[in-house]
Amino acid sequence: MFERIRHMLVKEFHQLFRDPQMLRFLILPPLLQVLLFGYAVTTNVRNAPAVVVDLDRTFSSRELAARFFSSGHFRLVRETTDIREAEDLMNRGNAG
């Protein structure tokens, strides 16, 4: 079975290299996409909306939340002590 697949692959590669136009169509578009998208696409998160549910309300928990929001990656939408309220905001799409 693998012998037949190997023969078919060899045949297709021979056909591919016989036609230079086809080779350009198969090589250039993916190469251009890799180069263009590599510079155009960014995965940095900035200003993502977030809701804080702080049940502890201690200095440490407030300091932790402050560090998250001072980074610039998150934007505080609401601070609450009610988990149901935070779930409702998320379900309505008002919080990240």
Protein backbone atom coordinates (compact mmCIF):
# COMPACT_ATOMS: atom_id res chain seq x y z
CA MET A 1 0.00 0.00 0.00
CA PHE A 2 2.77 2.46 0.92
CA GLU A 3 4.53 1.59 -2.31
CA ARG A 4 1.51 2.80 -4.32
CA ILE A 5 1.34 6.03 -2.36
CA ARG A 6 5.06 6.60 -2.88
CA HIS A 7 4.68 6.07 -6.65
CA MET A 8 1.77 8.49 -6.75
CA LEU A 9 3.75 11.14 -4.85
CA VAL A 10 6.74 10.74 -7.15
CA LYS A 11 4.47 11.09 -10.19
CA GLU A 12 2.85 14.25 -8.81
CA PHE A 13 6.22 15.84 -7.98
CA HIS A 14 7.47 15.10 -11.49
CA GLN A 15 4.35 16.74 -12.88
CA LEU A 16 4.79 19.72 -10.59
CA PHE A 17 8.39 20.37 -11.60
CA ARG A 18 7.56 19.96 -15.32
CA ASP A 19 5.27 22.99 -15.19
CA PRO A 20 7.08 26.11 -13.85
CA GLN A 21 3.84 28.12 -13.80
CA MET A 22 2.24 25.64 -11.41
CA LEU A 23 5.33 25.70 -9.22
CA ARG A 24 5.01 29.50 -8.90
CA PHE A 25 1.36 29.20 -7.94
CA LEU A 26 2.15 26.70 -5.23
CA ILE A 27 5.25 28.38 -3.78
CA LEU A 28 4.71 32.14 -4.03
CA PRO A 29 1.30 32.67 -2.34
CA PRO A 30 2.17 30.82 0.88
CA LEU A 31 5.57 32.52 0.97
CA LEU A 32 3.99 35.96 0.58
CA GLN A 33 1.38 35.18 3.22
CA VAL A 34 4.02 34.14 5.72
CA LEU A 35 6.02 37.30 5.10
CA LEU A 36 3.08 39.73 5.10
CA PHE A 37 1.17 38.21 8.01
CA GLY A 38 4.34 37.92 10.02
CA TYR A 39 4.61 41.70 10.08
CA ALA A 40 0.92 42.61 9.99
CA VAL A 41 -0.55 40.34 12.65
CA THR A 42 0.09 41.05 16.29
CA THR A 43 -0.99 38.99 19.25
CA ASN A 44 -0.50 41.70 21.87
CA VAL A 45 -3.53 42.30 24.04
CA ARG A 46 -4.33 45.94 24.81
CA ASN A 47 -7.30 47.40 26.70
CA ALA A 48 -9.21 44.14 27.10
CA PRO A 49 -12.32 44.86 29.17
CA ALA A 50 -12.40 43.02 32.50
CA VAL A 51 -14.58 42.76 35.58
CA VAL A 52 -13.02 42.17 38.99
CA VAL A 53 -14.87 40.09 41.55
CA ASP A 54 -13.06 40.85 44.79
CA LEU A 55 -14.56 38.84 47.62
CA ASP A 56 -11.53 39.33 49.87
CA ARG A 57 -11.38 43.16 49.80
CA THR A 58 -7.94 43.18 51.43
CA PHE A 59 -4.97 45.35 50.59
CA SER A 60 -3.31 42.42 48.80
CA SER A 61 -6.27 41.72 46.54
CA ARG A 62 -6.67 45.40 45.63
CA GLU A 63 -2.93 45.65 44.93
CA LEU A 64 -3.07 42.59 42.66
CA ALA A 65 -5.99 44.07 40.70
CA ALA A 66 -4.16 47.40 40.44
CA ARG A 67 -1.11 45.67 38.97
CA PHE A 68 -3.23 43.98 36.33
CA PHE A 69 -4.83 47.24 35.24
CA SER A 70 -1.67 49.34 35.40
CA SER A 71 -0.07 47.06 32.78
CA GLY A 72 -2.26 48.50 30.01
CA HIS A 73 -3.40 45.05 28.94
CA PHE A 74 -6.73 45.27 30.76
CA ARG A 75 -9.33 47.98 31.24
CA LEU A 76 -11.48 47.90 34.38
CA VAL A 77 -15.15 47.86 33.46
CA ARG A 78 -16.57 47.15 36.88
CA GLU A 79 -15.49 46.05 40.32
CA THR A 80 -18.00 44.00 42.27
CA THR A 81 -18.36 41.48 45.06
CA ASP A 82 -21.27 39.69 43.39
CA ILE A 83 -20.33 36.77 41.14
CA ARG A 84 -23.79 36.73 39.52
CA GLU A 85 -23.40 40.36 38.49
CA ALA A 86 -20.05 39.60 36.85
CA GLU A 87 -21.57 36.61 35.02
CA ASP A 88 -24.42 38.80 33.82
CA LEU A 89 -21.97 41.41 32.49
CA MET A 90 -20.02 38.70 30.68
CA ASN A 91 -23.18 37.14 29.21
CA ARG A 92 -24.33 40.52 27.90
CA GLY A 93 -20.90 41.12 26.37
CA ASN A 94 -20.09 44.14 28.53
CA ALA A 95 -16.95 42.58 29.98
CA GLY A 96 -14.13 40.59 28.49
